[in-house]
């Protein structure tokens, strides 16, 4: 199993954010490749980024539903 540096973890995090925001689903094969190359820390960074990307999409959708931030 591989290991990742701080910069590689940051890149994996950003990749996860971008893929989630782009609507991509988690690919188990890609996760296994990340694990093999970058180790557990790399997978963790990618998944945290992916979850952050999902949260960003949800926030964007909520702001479109209520553009002025008004409560109903």
N, C-alpha and C. Protein backbone atom coordinates (compact mmCIF):
# COMPACT_ATOMS: atom_id res chain seq x y z
N UNK A 1 0.85 -1.17 0.00
CA UNK A 1 0.00 0.00 0.00
C UNK A 1 0.90 1.23 0.00
N UNK A 2 0.49 2.25 -0.74
CA UNK A 2 1.27 3.47 -0.88
C UNK A 2 1.05 4.45 0.26
N UNK A 3 1.79 5.51 0.19
CA UNK A 3 1.67 6.61 1.14
C UNK A 3 1.59 7.91 0.35
N UNK A 4 0.97 8.91 0.93
CA UNK A 4 0.82 10.17 0.22
C UNK A 4 1.41 11.31 1.05
N UNK A 5 1.88 12.31 0.32
CA UNK A 5 2.42 13.50 0.96
C UNK A 5 1.29 14.49 1.23
N UNK A 6 1.60 15.55 1.91
CA UNK A 6 0.60 16.58 2.19
C UNK A 6 0.03 17.19 0.91
N UNK A 7 0.89 17.45 -0.07
CA UNK A 7 0.43 18.03 -1.34
C UNK A 7 -0.45 17.03 -2.10
N UNK A 8 -0.07 15.77 -2.08
CA UNK A 8 -0.89 14.75 -2.75
C UNK A 8 -2.27 14.64 -2.08
N UNK A 9 -2.28 14.70 -0.75
CA UNK A 9 -3.56 14.67 -0.03
C UNK A 9 -4.42 15.87 -0.40
N UNK A 10 -3.80 17.04 -0.50
CA UNK A 10 -4.55 18.24 -0.88
C UNK A 10 -5.12 18.09 -2.29
N UNK A 11 -4.32 17.54 -3.19
CA UNK A 11 -4.79 17.32 -4.56
C UNK A 11 -5.95 16.32 -4.60
N UNK A 12 -5.86 15.27 -3.80
CA UNK A 12 -6.93 14.28 -3.75
C UNK A 12 -8.20 14.89 -3.17
N UNK A 13 -8.06 15.75 -2.17
CA UNK A 13 -9.21 16.44 -1.58
C UNK A 13 -9.91 17.29 -2.65
N UNK A 14 -9.13 18.08 -3.38
CA UNK A 14 -9.69 18.93 -4.43
C UNK A 14 -10.33 18.09 -5.52
N UNK A 15 -9.69 16.99 -5.87
CA UNK A 15 -10.27 16.07 -6.87
C UNK A 15 -11.62 15.58 -6.40
N UNK A 16 -11.71 15.18 -5.13
CA UNK A 16 -12.98 14.71 -4.58
C UNK A 16 -14.05 15.78 -4.62
N UNK A 17 -13.70 17.01 -4.24
CA UNK A 17 -14.65 18.12 -4.28
C UNK A 17 -15.15 18.32 -5.70
N UNK A 18 -14.23 18.39 -6.65
CA UNK A 18 -14.60 18.65 -8.04
C UNK A 18 -15.47 17.54 -8.61
N UNK A 19 -15.14 16.29 -8.30
CA UNK A 19 -15.92 15.19 -8.84
C UNK A 19 -17.33 15.16 -8.25
N UNK A 20 -17.45 15.42 -6.96
CA UNK A 20 -18.78 15.44 -6.34
C UNK A 20 -19.60 16.60 -6.89
N UNK A 21 -18.98 17.77 -7.02
CA UNK A 21 -19.70 18.93 -7.57
C UNK A 21 -20.11 18.68 -9.02
N UNK A 22 -19.34 17.86 -9.73
CA UNK A 22 -19.65 17.52 -11.11
C UNK A 22 -20.69 16.43 -11.24
N UNK A 23 -21.17 15.91 -10.11
CA UNK A 23 -22.21 14.90 -10.12
C UNK A 23 -21.72 13.47 -10.31
N UNK A 24 -20.42 13.27 -10.21
CA UNK A 24 -19.89 11.92 -10.37
C UNK A 24 -20.15 11.09 -9.12
N UNK A 25 -20.46 9.83 -9.34
CA UNK A 25 -20.66 8.89 -8.25
C UNK A 25 -19.32 8.31 -7.84
N UNK A 26 -19.27 7.80 -6.62
CA UNK A 26 -18.05 7.14 -6.16
C UNK A 26 -17.84 5.88 -6.98
N UNK A 27 -16.62 5.70 -7.46
CA UNK A 27 -16.25 4.53 -8.25
C UNK A 27 -15.37 3.62 -7.38
N UNK A 28 -15.88 2.45 -7.01
CA UNK A 28 -15.10 1.57 -6.13
C UNK A 28 -13.73 1.21 -6.69
N UNK A 29 -13.64 1.03 -8.00
CA UNK A 29 -12.35 0.70 -8.61
C UNK A 29 -11.37 1.86 -8.43
N UNK A 30 -11.85 3.08 -8.63
CA UNK A 30 -10.98 4.25 -8.46
C UNK A 30 -10.55 4.37 -7.00
N UNK A 31 -11.46 4.09 -6.07
CA UNK A 31 -11.09 4.16 -4.65
C UNK A 31 -10.00 3.15 -4.32
N UNK A 32 -10.09 1.96 -4.90
CA UNK A 32 -9.06 0.93 -4.65
C UNK A 32 -7.72 1.37 -5.25
N UNK A 33 -7.76 2.02 -6.41
CA UNK A 33 -6.52 2.52 -7.02
C UNK A 33 -5.90 3.61 -6.15
N UNK A 34 -6.74 4.51 -5.63
CA UNK A 34 -6.23 5.56 -4.73
C UNK A 34 -5.62 4.91 -3.50
N UNK A 35 -6.27 3.91 -2.95
CA UNK A 35 -5.75 3.21 -1.78
C UNK A 35 -4.40 2.58 -2.09
N UNK A 36 -4.28 1.91 -3.23
CA UNK A 36 -3.03 1.25 -3.60
C UNK A 36 -1.89 2.25 -3.77
N UNK A 37 -2.18 3.39 -4.39
CA UNK A 37 -1.13 4.35 -4.71
C UNK A 37 -0.84 5.29 -3.54
N UNK A 38 -1.90 5.78 -2.88
CA UNK A 38 -1.73 6.84 -1.87
C UNK A 38 -2.00 6.39 -0.44
N UNK A 39 -2.47 5.19 -0.25
CA UNK A 39 -2.71 4.67 1.09
C UNK A 39 -4.00 5.20 1.72
N UNK A 40 -4.18 4.87 2.98
CA UNK A 40 -5.40 5.23 3.70
C UNK A 40 -5.58 6.75 3.80
N UNK A 41 -4.50 7.47 4.02
CA UNK A 41 -4.60 8.93 4.12
C UNK A 41 -5.09 9.54 2.82
N UNK A 42 -4.65 9.00 1.70
CA UNK A 42 -5.10 9.49 0.41
C UNK A 42 -6.58 9.25 0.19
N UNK A 43 -7.04 8.06 0.54
CA UNK A 43 -8.47 7.74 0.41
C UNK A 43 -9.28 8.65 1.33
N UNK A 44 -8.80 8.84 2.54
CA UNK A 44 -9.48 9.71 3.50
C UNK A 44 -9.60 11.13 2.95
N UNK A 45 -8.51 11.65 2.40
CA UNK A 45 -8.53 13.00 1.84
C UNK A 45 -9.52 13.10 0.69
N UNK A 46 -9.49 12.12 -0.20
CA UNK A 46 -10.41 12.12 -1.34
C UNK A 46 -11.86 12.08 -0.86
N UNK A 47 -12.17 11.18 0.07
CA UNK A 47 -13.55 11.05 0.55
C UNK A 47 -14.01 12.30 1.29
N UNK A 48 -13.14 12.91 2.08
CA UNK A 48 -13.52 14.16 2.75
C UNK A 48 -13.82 15.25 1.72
N UNK A 49 -13.02 15.31 0.68
CA UNK A 49 -13.28 16.27 -0.38
C UNK A 49 -14.58 15.98 -1.10
N UNK A 50 -14.83 14.72 -1.35
CA UNK A 50 -16.06 14.32 -2.04
C UNK A 50 -17.29 14.70 -1.21
N UNK A 51 -17.22 14.45 0.09
CA UNK A 51 -18.33 14.83 0.97
C UNK A 51 -18.50 16.35 1.03
N UNK A 52 -17.41 17.09 1.03
CA UNK A 52 -17.48 18.55 1.02
C UNK A 52 -18.12 19.03 -0.28
N UNK A 53 -17.77 18.38 -1.38
CA UNK A 53 -18.38 18.74 -2.66
C UNK A 53 -19.88 18.51 -2.65
N UNK A 54 -20.33 17.41 -2.05
CA UNK A 54 -21.77 17.15 -1.93
C UNK A 54 -22.45 18.23 -1.08
N UNK A 55 -21.79 18.61 0.00
CA UNK A 55 -22.35 19.66 0.86
C UNK A 55 -22.44 20.98 0.10
N UNK A 56 -21.44 21.27 -0.73
CA UNK A 56 -21.46 22.49 -1.53
C UNK A 56 -22.64 22.48 -2.50
N UNK A 57 -22.88 21.34 -3.14
CA UNK A 57 -24.00 21.22 -4.07
C UNK A 57 -25.32 21.44 -3.34
N UNK A 58 -25.44 20.86 -2.17
CA UNK A 58 -26.66 21.02 -1.38
C UNK A 58 -26.87 22.48 -1.00
N UNK A 59 -25.81 23.15 -0.58
CA UNK A 59 -25.91 24.57 -0.23
C UNK A 59 -26.30 25.41 -1.44
N UNK A 60 -25.72 25.08 -2.60
CA UNK A 60 -26.06 25.80 -3.82
C UNK A 60 -27.54 25.63 -4.17
N UNK A 61 -28.04 24.41 -4.03
CA UNK A 61 -29.45 24.14 -4.33
C UNK A 61 -30.36 24.88 -3.37
N UNK A 62 -29.98 24.91 -2.09
CA UNK A 62 -30.79 25.64 -1.10
C UNK A 62 -30.80 27.13 -1.40
N UNK A 63 -29.68 27.67 -1.83
CA UNK A 63 -29.64 29.10 -2.12
C UNK A 63 -30.46 29.44 -3.37
N UNK A 64 -30.58 28.50 -4.30
CA UNK A 64 -31.42 28.71 -5.46
C UNK A 64 -32.90 28.68 -5.11
N UNK A 65 -33.25 27.84 -4.14
CA UNK A 65 -34.63 27.75 -3.69
C UNK A 65 -35.06 28.99 -2.93
N UNK A 66 -34.13 29.57 -2.19
CA UNK A 66 -34.41 30.74 -1.36
C UNK A 66 -33.30 31.77 -1.59
N UNK A 67 -33.30 32.43 -2.77
CA UNK A 67 -32.19 33.30 -3.13
C UNK A 67 -31.96 34.49 -2.22
N UNK A 68 -32.98 34.92 -1.50
CA UNK A 68 -32.81 36.07 -0.62
C UNK A 68 -32.55 35.68 0.81
N UNK A 69 -32.48 34.35 1.06
CA UNK A 69 -32.23 33.87 2.40
C UNK A 69 -33.38 34.06 3.34
N UNK A 70 -34.58 34.23 2.79
CA UNK A 70 -35.76 34.45 3.63
C UNK A 70 -36.33 33.12 4.10
N UNK A 71 -36.77 33.08 5.32
CA UNK A 71 -37.46 31.90 5.83
C UNK A 71 -38.94 32.00 5.47
N UNK A 72 -39.51 30.84 5.25
CA UNK A 72 -40.94 30.84 4.91
C UNK A 72 -41.80 30.75 6.13
